[in-house]
Amino acid sequence: MAQVTILAAATSAATSADIVLADGQTRTVGLFAAGALPGGGFAIMLDTPDADVLVGALTAAQPAVVLSGPGTYRVIRSLQTVAVGVFTES
């Protein structure tokens, strides 16, 4: 399985690259950091014709989830105190 960084580790607020899934596809999305993961601050958003919709979150207690297609997803990182990134694995 190939891991791809979609949001480089940093402390600044930022949005990941899009995760585009066709019907029936799945992809694991998760957090990575050199130290301990923070409690929260990572929203998983689903792209819609209007505003994105919150469909989940990544936290220290749940640092990875499996997304199902079809859909276009992205992860929004809020300001953090430790450098944290986001990866996918297919």
PDB file of N, CA and C in Angstrom:
ATOM      1  N   MET A   1       0.835  -1.182   0.000  1.00  0.00           N
ATOM      2  CA  MET A   1       0.000   0.000   0.000  1.00  0.00           C
ATOM      3  C   MET A   1       0.882   1.249   0.000  1.00  0.00           C
ATOM      4  N   ALA A   2       0.477   2.238  -0.758  1.00  0.00           N
ATOM      5  CA  ALA A   2       1.264   3.460  -0.888  1.00  0.00           C
ATOM      6  C   ALA A   2       0.723   4.561   0.009  1.00  0.00           C
ATOM      7  N   GLN A   3       1.624   5.160   0.776  1.00  0.00           N
ATOM      8  CA  GLN A   3       1.261   6.316   1.589  1.00  0.00           C
ATOM      9  C   GLN A   3       1.661   7.581   0.848  1.00  0.00           C
ATOM     10  N   VAL A   4       0.769   8.581   0.887  1.00  0.00           N
ATOM     11  CA  VAL A   4       1.009   9.852   0.225  1.00  0.00           C
ATOM     12  C   VAL A   4       0.693  10.968   1.210  1.00  0.00           C
ATOM     13  N   THR A   5       1.618  11.910   1.381  1.00  0.00           N
ATOM     14  CA  THR A   5       1.366  13.075   2.230  1.00  0.00           C
ATOM     15  C   THR A   5       0.502  14.055   1.457  1.00  0.00           C
ATOM     16  N   ILE A   6      -0.643  14.412   2.023  1.00  0.00           N
ATOM     17  CA  ILE A   6      -1.531  15.369   1.366  1.00  0.00           C
ATOM     18  C   ILE A   6      -1.541  16.713   2.075  1.00  0.00           C
ATOM     19  N   LEU A   7      -0.904  16.791   3.250  1.00  0.00           N
ATOM     20  CA  LEU A   7      -0.724  18.048   3.973  1.00  0.00           C
ATOM     21  C   LEU A   7       0.549  17.897   4.802  1.00  0.00           C
ATOM     22  N   ALA A   8       1.582  18.647   4.428  1.00  0.00           N
ATOM     23  CA  ALA A   8       2.875  18.547   5.103  1.00  0.00           C
ATOM     24  C   ALA A   8       2.741  18.930   6.579  1.00  0.00           C
ATOM     25  N   ALA A   9       3.557  18.307   7.413  1.00  0.00           N
ATOM     26  CA  ALA A   9       3.533  18.594   8.846  1.00  0.00           C
ATOM     27  C   ALA A   9       3.922  20.043   9.099  1.00  0.00           C
ATOM     28  N   ALA A  10       3.092  20.738   9.876  1.00  0.00           N
ATOM     29  CA  ALA A  10       3.308  22.139  10.235  1.00  0.00           C
ATOM     30  C   ALA A  10       2.363  22.480  11.371  1.00  0.00           C
ATOM     31  N   THR A  11       2.500  23.682  11.914  1.00  0.00           N
ATOM     32  CA  THR A  11       1.614  24.139  12.986  1.00  0.00           C
ATOM     33  C   THR A  11       0.562  25.117  12.481  1.00  0.00           C
ATOM     34  N   SER A  12       0.730  25.631  11.275  1.00  0.00           N
ATOM     35  CA  SER A  12      -0.185  26.637  10.730  1.00  0.00           C
ATOM     36  C   SER A  12      -1.505  26.014  10.270  1.00  0.00           C
ATOM     37  N   ALA A  13      -2.538  26.826  10.226  1.00  0.00           N
ATOM     38  CA  ALA A  13      -3.822  26.396   9.681  1.00  0.00           C
ATOM     39  C   ALA A  13      -3.657  26.196   8.177  1.00  0.00           C
ATOM     40  N   ALA A  14      -4.254  25.127   7.648  1.00  0.00           N
ATOM     41  CA  ALA A  14      -4.119  24.840   6.214  1.00  0.00           C
ATOM     42  C   ALA A  14      -5.152  23.795   5.805  1.00  0.00           C
ATOM     43  N   THR A  15      -5.290  23.635   4.490  1.00  0.00           N
ATOM     44  CA  THR A  15      -6.203  22.652   3.915  1.00  0.00           C
ATOM     45  C   THR A  15      -5.409  21.673   3.061  1.00  0.00           C
ATOM     46  N   SER A  16      -5.735  20.399   3.188  1.00  0.00           N
ATOM     47  CA  SER A  16      -5.029  19.354   2.439  1.00  0.00           C
ATOM     48  C   SER A  16      -5.385  19.403   0.960  1.00  0.00           C
ATOM     49  N   ALA A  17      -4.633  18.627   0.192  1.00  0.00           N
ATOM     50  CA  ALA A  17      -5.009  18.365  -1.192  1.00  0.00           C
ATOM     51  C   ALA A  17      -6.312  17.573  -1.187  1.00  0.00           C
ATOM     52  N   ASP A  18      -7.038  17.617  -2.291  1.00  0.00           N
ATOM     53  CA  ASP A  18      -8.282  16.864  -2.403  1.00  0.00           C
ATOM     54  C   ASP A  18      -8.032  15.366  -2.422  1.00  0.00           C
ATOM     55  N   ILE A  19      -8.965  14.625  -1.849  1.00  0.00           N
ATOM     56  CA  ILE A  19      -8.988  13.166  -1.891  1.00  0.00           C
ATOM     57  C   ILE A  19     -10.212  12.809  -2.720  1.00  0.00           C
ATOM     58  N   VAL A  20     -10.004  12.392  -3.958  1.00  0.00           N
ATOM     59  CA  VAL A  20     -11.105  12.114  -4.878  1.00  0.00           C
ATOM     60  C   VAL A  20     -11.290  10.612  -4.985  1.00  0.00           C
ATOM     61  N   LEU A  21     -12.494  10.155  -4.638  1.00  0.00           N
ATOM     62  CA  LEU A  21     -12.795   8.728  -4.649  1.00  0.00           C
ATOM     63  C   LEU A  21     -13.956   8.440  -5.584  1.00  0.00           C
ATOM     64  N   ALA A  22     -13.785   7.440  -6.435  1.00  0.00           N
ATOM     65  CA  ALA A  22     -14.861   6.981  -7.302  1.00  0.00           C
ATOM     66  C   ALA A  22     -15.796   6.071  -6.503  1.00  0.00           C
ATOM     67  N   ASP A  23     -16.934   5.758  -7.085  1.00  0.00           N
ATOM     68  CA  ASP A  23     -17.907   4.884  -6.446  1.00  0.00           C
ATOM     69  C   ASP A  23     -17.252   3.551  -6.085  1.00  0.00           C
ATOM     70  N   GLY A  24     -17.374   3.156  -4.827  1.00  0.00           N
ATOM     71  CA  GLY A  24     -16.826   1.888  -4.364  1.00  0.00           C
ATOM     72  C   GLY A  24     -15.384   1.947  -3.879  1.00  0.00           C
ATOM     73  N   GLN A  25     -14.677   3.033  -4.141  1.00  0.00           N
ATOM     74  CA  GLN A  25     -13.301   3.160  -3.659  1.00  0.00           C
ATOM     75  C   GLN A  25     -13.287   3.538  -2.188  1.00  0.00           C
ATOM     76  N   THR A  26     -12.220   3.121  -1.500  1.00  0.00           N
ATOM     77  CA  THR A  26     -11.992   3.545  -0.116  1.00  0.00           C
ATOM     78  C   THR A  26     -10.557   4.032   0.000  1.00  0.00           C
ATOM     79  N   ARG A  27     -10.322   4.859   0.985  1.00  0.00           N
ATOM     80  CA  ARG A  27      -8.966   5.354   1.237  1.00  0.00           C
ATOM     81  C   ARG A  27      -8.859   5.671   2.717  1.00  0.00           C
ATOM     82  N   THR A  28      -7.753   5.258   3.323  1.00  0.00           N
ATOM     83  CA  THR A  28      -7.468   5.614   4.709  1.00  0.00           C
ATOM     84  C   THR A  28      -6.834   6.997   4.724  1.00  0.00           C
ATOM     85  N   VAL A  29      -7.271   7.843   5.630  1.00  0.00           N
ATOM     86  CA  VAL A  29      -6.671   9.158   5.828  1.00  0.00           C
ATOM     87  C   VAL A  29      -6.305   9.249   7.306  1.00  0.00           C
ATOM     88  N   GLY A  30      -5.108   9.783   7.598  1.00  0.00           N
ATOM     89  CA  GLY A  30      -4.672   9.818   8.984  1.00  0.00           C
ATOM     90  C   GLY A  30      -3.678  10.924   9.263  1.00  0.00           C
ATOM     91  N   LEU A  31      -3.368  11.077  10.543  1.00  0.00           N
ATOM     92  CA  LEU A  31      -2.447  12.103  11.025  1.00  0.00           C
ATOM     93  C   LEU A  31      -1.064  11.509  11.260  1.00  0.00           C
ATOM     94  N   PHE A  32      -0.028  12.350  11.129  1.00  0.00           N
ATOM     95  CA  PHE A  32       1.312  11.946  11.535  1.00  0.00           C
ATOM     96  C   PHE A  32       2.024  13.134  12.167  1.00  0.00           C
ATOM     97  N   ALA A  33       2.895  12.840  13.128  1.00  0.00           N
ATOM     98  CA  ALA A  33       3.669  13.868  13.830  1.00  0.00           C
ATOM     99  C   ALA A  33       4.905  13.225  14.424  1.00  0.00           C
ATOM    100  N   ALA A  34       5.938  14.030  14.645  1.00  0.00           N
ATOM    101  CA  ALA A  34       7.167  13.524  15.254  1.00  0.00           C
ATOM    102  C   ALA A  34       6.949  13.205  16.729  1.00  0.00           C
ATOM    103  N   GLY A  35       6.044  13.910  17.371  1.00  0.00           N
ATOM    104  CA  GLY A  35       5.755  13.703  18.786  1.00  0.00           C
ATOM    105  C   GLY A  35       4.323  13.253  18.980  1.00  0.00           C
ATOM    106  N   ALA A  36       3.786  13.578  20.141  1.00  0.00           N
ATOM    107  CA  ALA A  36       2.411  13.213  20.464  1.00  0.00           C
ATOM    108  C   ALA A  36       1.431  13.993  19.600  1.00  0.00           C
ATOM    109  N   LEU A  37       0.370  13.313  19.184  1.00  0.00           N
ATOM    110  CA  LEU A  37      -0.672  13.974  18.400  1.00  0.00           C
ATOM    111  C   LEU A  37      -1.502  14.881  19.298  1.00  0.00           C
ATOM    112  N   PRO A  38      -1.992  15.999  18.767  1.00  0.00           N
ATOM    113  CA  PRO A  38      -2.842  16.889  19.547  1.00  0.00           C
ATOM    114  C   PRO A  38      -4.239  16.300  19.713  1.00  0.00           C
ATOM    115  N   GLY A  39      -5.011  16.882  20.602  1.00  0.00           N
ATOM    116  CA  GLY A  39      -6.357  16.387  20.884  1.00  0.00           C
ATOM    117  C   GLY A  39      -7.322  16.526  19.726  1.00  0.00           C
ATOM    118  N   GLY A  40      -7.177  17.536  18.909  1.00  0.00           N
ATOM    119  CA  GLY A  40      -8.132  17.749  17.817  1.00  0.00           C
ATOM    120  C   GLY A  40      -7.658  18.817  16.861  1.00  0.00           C
ATOM    121  N   GLY A  41      -8.614  19.357  16.123  1.00  0.00           N
ATOM    122  CA  GLY A  41      -8.306  20.428  15.197  1.00  0.00           C
ATOM    123  C   GLY A  41      -8.169  20.013  13.752  1.00  0.00           C
ATOM    124  N   PHE A  42      -8.711  18.806  13.388  1.00  0.00           N
ATOM    125  CA  PHE A  42      -8.626  18.315  12.023  1.00  0.00           C
ATOM    126  C   PHE A  42     -10.007  17.887  11.550  1.00  0.00           C
ATOM    127  N   ALA A  43     -10.654  18.727  10.755  1.00  0.00           N
ATOM    128  CA  ALA A  43     -11.992  18.449  10.251  1.00  0.00           C
ATOM    129  C   ALA A  43     -11.916  17.784   8.887  1.00  0.00           C
ATOM    130  N   ILE A  44     -12.692  16.720   8.694  1.00  0.00           N
ATOM    131  CA  ILE A  44     -12.803  16.064   7.394  1.00  0.00           C
ATOM    132  C   ILE A  44     -14.047  16.626   6.717  1.00  0.00           C
ATOM    133  N   MET A  45     -13.841  17.238   5.555  1.00  0.00           N
ATOM    134  CA  MET A  45     -14.920  17.908   4.848  1.00  0.00           C
ATOM    135  C   MET A  45     -15.227  17.196   3.540  1.00  0.00           C
ATOM    136  N   LEU A  46     -16.520  17.158   3.181  1.00  0.00           N
ATOM    137  CA  LEU A  46     -16.976  16.610   1.908  1.00  0.00           C
ATOM    138  C   LEU A  46     -17.354  17.774   1.008  1.00  0.00           C
ATOM    139  N   ASP A  47     -16.791  17.791  -0.194  1.00  0.00           N
ATOM    140  CA  ASP A  47     -17.084  18.833  -1.170  1.00  0.00           C
ATOM    141  C   ASP A  47     -18.526  18.683  -1.652  1.00  0.00           C
ATOM    142  N   THR A  48     -19.237  19.803  -1.742  1.00  0.00           N
ATOM    143  CA  THR A  48     -20.605  19.817  -2.269  1.00  0.00           C
ATOM    144  C   THR A  48     -20.705  20.946  -3.295  1.00  0.00           C
ATOM    145  N   PRO A  49     -21.820  21.042  -4.027  1.00  0.00           N
ATOM    146  CA  PRO A  49     -21.973  22.154  -4.960  1.00  0.00           C
ATOM    147  C   PRO A  49     -21.991  23.518  -4.272  1.00  0.00           C
ATOM    148  N   ASP A  50     -22.231  23.545  -2.967  1.00  0.00           N
ATOM    149  CA  ASP A  50     -22.225  24.792  -2.198  1.00  0.00           C
ATOM    150  C   ASP A  50     -21.068  24.713  -1.201  1.00  0.00           C
ATOM    151  N   ALA A  51     -21.305  24.974   0.048  1.00  0.00           N
ATOM    152  CA  ALA A  51     -20.253  24.922   1.071  1.00  0.00           C
ATOM    153  C   ALA A  51     -19.911  23.474   1.416  1.00  0.00           C
ATOM    154  N   ASP A  52     -18.648  23.233   1.759  1.00  0.00           N
ATOM    155  CA  ASP A  52     -18.232  21.899   2.193  1.00  0.00           C
ATOM    156  C   ASP A  52     -19.004  21.496   3.445  1.00  0.00           C
ATOM    157  N   VAL A  53     -19.197  20.174   3.621  1.00  0.00           N
ATOM    158  CA  VAL A  53     -19.953  19.624   4.743  1.00  0.00           C
ATOM    159  C   VAL A  53     -19.004  18.829   5.640  1.00  0.00           C
ATOM    160  N   LEU A  54     -19.081  19.061   6.944  1.00  0.00           N
ATOM    161  CA  LEU A  54     -18.287  18.311   7.917  1.00  0.00           C
ATOM    162  C   LEU A  54     -18.807  16.881   8.000  1.00  0.00           C
ATOM    163  N   VAL A  55     -17.922  15.896   7.760  1.00  0.00           N
ATOM    164  CA  VAL A  55     -18.327  14.494   7.824  1.00  0.00           C
ATOM    165  C   VAL A  55     -17.549  13.698   8.863  1.00  0.00           C
ATOM    166  N   GLY A  56     -16.542  14.307   9.484  1.00  0.00           N
ATOM    167  CA  GLY A  56     -15.764  13.602  10.485  1.00  0.00           C
ATOM    168  C   GLY A  56     -14.619  14.444  10.987  1.00  0.00           C
ATOM    169  N   ALA A  57     -13.843  13.869  11.887  1.00  0.00           N
ATOM    170  CA  ALA A  57     -12.698  14.570  12.464  1.00  0.00           C
ATOM    171  C   ALA A  57     -11.593  13.565  12.767  1.00  0.00           C
ATOM    172  N   LEU A  58     -10.359  14.060  12.738  1.00  0.00           N
ATOM    173  CA  LEU A  58      -9.206  13.266  13.142  1.00  0.00           C
ATOM    174  C   LEU A  58      -8.700  13.829  14.460  1.00  0.00           C
ATOM    175  N   THR A  59      -8.422  12.948  15.425  1.00  0.00           N
ATOM    176  CA  THR A  59      -7.982  13.349  16.757  1.00  0.00           C
ATOM    177  C   THR A  59      -6.913  12.374  17.238  1.00  0.00           C
ATOM    178  N   ALA A  60      -6.334  12.655  18.393  1.00  0.00           N
ATOM    179  CA  ALA A  60      -5.382  11.721  18.991  1.00  0.00           C
ATOM    180  C   ALA A  60      -6.062  10.391  19.299  1.00  0.00           C
ATOM    181  N   ALA A  61      -7.334  10.437  19.699  1.00  0.00           N
ATOM    182  CA  ALA A  61      -8.071   9.216  20.006  1.00  0.00           C
ATOM    183  C   ALA A  61      -8.478   8.456  18.749  1.00  0.00           C
ATOM    184  N   GLN A  62      -8.648   9.157  17.626  1.00  0.00           N
ATOM    185  CA  GLN A  62      -8.992   8.541  16.344  1.00  0.00           C
ATOM    186  C   GLN A  62      -8.136   9.186  15.258  1.00  0.00           C
ATOM    187  N   PRO A  63      -6.866   8.778  15.156  1.00  0.00           N
ATOM    188  CA  PRO A  63      -5.934   9.428  14.240  1.00  0.00           C
ATOM    189  C   PRO A  63      -6.070   9.008  12.780  1.00  0.00           C
ATOM    190  N   ALA A  64      -6.925   8.037  12.486  1.00  0.00           N
ATOM    191  CA  ALA A  64      -7.124   7.609  11.107  1.00  0.00           C
ATOM    192  C   ALA A  64      -8.552   7.129  10.918  1.00  0.00           C
ATOM    193  N   VAL A  65      -9.086   7.341   9.704  1.00  0.00           N
ATOM    194  CA  VAL A  65     -10.419   6.851   9.337  1.00  0.00           C
ATOM    195  C   VAL A  65     -10.361   6.365   7.902  1.00  0.00           C
ATOM    196  N   VAL A  66     -11.360   5.566   7.517  1.00  0.00           N
ATOM    197  CA  VAL A  66     -11.486   5.099   6.140  1.00  0.00           C
ATOM    198  C   VAL A  66     -12.630   5.868   5.487  1.00  0.00           C
ATOM    199  N   LEU A  67     -12.321   6.547   4.387  1.00  0.00           N
ATOM    200  CA  LEU A  67     -13.326   7.284   3.626  1.00  0.00           C
ATOM    201  C   LEU A  67     -13.838   6.392   2.498  1.00  0.00           C
ATOM    202  N   SER A  68     -15.117   6.553   2.148  1.00  0.00           N
ATOM    203  CA  SER A  68     -15.730   5.781   1.072  1.00  0.00           C
ATOM    204  C   SER A  68     -16.226   6.703  -0.026  1.00  0.00           C
ATOM    205  N   GLY A  69     -16.068   6.261  -1.271  1.00  0.00           N
ATOM    206  CA  GLY A  69     -16.536   7.041  -2.407  1.00  0.00           C
ATOM    207  C   GLY A  69     -17.944   6.657  -2.798  1.00  0.00           C
ATOM    208  N   PRO A  70     -18.575   7.447  -3.631  1.00  0.00           N
ATOM    209  CA  PRO A  70     -17.948   8.543  -4.353  1.00  0.00           C
ATOM    210  C   PRO A  70     -17.914   9.816  -3.510  1.00  0.00           C
ATOM    211  N   GLY A  71     -16.948  10.653  -3.801  1.00  0.00           N
ATOM    212  CA  GLY A  71     -16.871  11.945  -3.132  1.00  0.00           C
ATOM    213  C   GLY A  71     -15.498  12.567  -3.254  1.00  0.00           C
ATOM    214  N   THR A  72     -15.456  13.867  -2.987  1.00  0.00           N
ATOM    215  CA  THR A  72     -14.206  14.612  -2.917  1.00  0.00           C
ATOM    216  C   THR A  72     -14.099  15.149  -1.498  1.00  0.00           C
ATOM    217  N   TYR A  73     -13.048  14.737  -0.816  1.00  0.00           N
ATOM    218  CA  TYR A  73     -12.838  15.090   0.584  1.00  0.00           C
ATOM    219  C   TYR A  73     -11.578  15.928   0.719  1.00  0.00           C
ATOM    220  N   ARG A  74     -11.499  16.676   1.816  1.00  0.00           N
ATOM    221  CA  ARG A  74     -10.268  17.379   2.184  1.00  0.00           C
ATOM    222  C   ARG A  74     -10.236  17.488   3.702  1.00  0.00           C
ATOM    223  N   VAL A  75      -9.042  17.652   4.249  1.00  0.00           N
ATOM    224  CA  VAL A  75      -8.873  17.791   5.701  1.00  0.00           C
ATOM    225  C   VAL A  75      -8.417  19.213   5.978  1.00  0.00           C
ATOM    226  N   ILE A  76      -9.072  19.847   6.942  1.00  0.00           N
ATOM    227  CA  ILE A  76      -8.715  21.209   7.336  1.00  0.00           C
ATOM    228  C   ILE A  76      -8.040  21.159   8.698  1.00  0.00           C
ATOM    229  N   ARG A  77      -6.794  21.646   8.741  1.00  0.00           N
ATOM    230  CA  ARG A  77      -6.024  21.691   9.987  1.00  0.00           C
ATOM    231  C   ARG A  77      -6.163  23.085  10.587  1.00  0.00           C
ATOM    232  N   SER A  78      -6.581  23.144  11.847  1.00  0.00           N
ATOM    233  CA  SER A  78      -6.588  24.422  12.564  1.00  0.00           C
ATOM    234  C   SER A  78      -5.194  24.661  13.144  1.00  0.00           C
ATOM    235  N   LEU A  79      -4.957  25.825  13.664  1.00  0.00           N
ATOM    236  CA  LEU A  79      -3.672  26.172  14.270  1.00  0.00           C
ATOM    237  C   LEU A  79      -3.317  25.144  15.339  1.00  0.00           C
ATOM    238  N   GLN A  80      -2.080  24.625  15.296  1.00  0.00           N
ATOM    239  CA  GLN A  80      -1.629  23.581  16.218  1.00  0.00           C
ATOM    240  C   GLN A  80      -0.395  24.043  16.996  1.00  0.00           C
ATOM    241  N   THR A  81      -0.112  23.373  18.111  1.00  0.00           N
ATOM    242  CA  THR A  81       1.075  23.678  18.898  1.00  0.00           C
ATOM    243  C   THR A  81       2.249  22.764  18.552  1.00  0.00           C
ATOM    244  N   VAL A  82       1.962  21.654  17.856  1.00  0.00           N
ATOM    245  CA  VAL A  82       3.005  20.751  17.358  1.00  0.00           C
ATOM    246  C   VAL A  82       2.778  20.557  15.863  1.00  0.00           C
ATOM    247  N   ALA A  83       3.846  20.269  15.135  1.00  0.00           N
ATOM    248  CA  ALA A  83       3.727  20.069  13.695  1.00  0.00           C
ATOM    249  C   ALA A  83       3.065  18.729  13.401  1.00  0.00           C
ATOM    250  N   VAL A  84       1.936  18.791  12.710  1.00  0.00           N
ATOM    251  CA  VAL A  84       1.173  17.599  12.366  1.00  0.00           C
ATOM    252  C   VAL A  84       0.839  17.645  10.887  1.00  0.00           C
ATOM    253  N   GLY A  85       0.926  16.499  10.222  1.00  0.00           N
ATOM    254  CA  GLY A  85       0.574  16.387   8.818  1.00  0.00           C
ATOM    255  C   GLY A  85      -0.525  15.377   8.613  1.00  0.00           C
ATOM    256  N   VAL A  86      -0.983  15.285   7.376  1.00  0.00           N
ATOM    257  CA  VAL A  86      -2.051  14.362   7.008  1.00  0.00           C
ATOM    258  C   VAL A  86      -1.572  13.509   5.837  1.00  0.00           C
ATOM    259  N   PHE A  87      -1.863  12.215   5.891  1.00  0.00           N
ATOM    260  CA  PHE A  87      -1.481  11.298   4.825  1.00  0.00           C
ATOM    261  C   PHE A  87      -2.685  10.467   4.395  1.00  0.00           C
ATOM    262  N   THR A  88      -2.577   9.880   3.215  1.00  0.00           N
ATOM    263  CA  THR A  88      -3.554   8.883   2.777  1.00  0.00           C
ATOM    264  C   THR A  88      -2.804   7.603   2.467  1.00  0.00           C
ATOM    265  N   GLU A  89      -3.544   6.505   2.529  1.00  0.00           N
ATOM    266  CA  GLU A  89      -2.999   5.199   2.139  1.00  0.00           C
ATOM    267  C   GLU A  89      -4.078   4.461   1.384  1.00  0.00           C
ATOM    268  N   SER A  90      -3.704   3.935   0.236  1.00  0.00           N
ATOM    269  CA  SER A  90      -4.695   3.221  -0.572  1.00  0.00           C
ATOM    270  C   SER A  90      -4.314   1.766  -0.724  1.00  0.00           C
TER     271      SER A  90
END
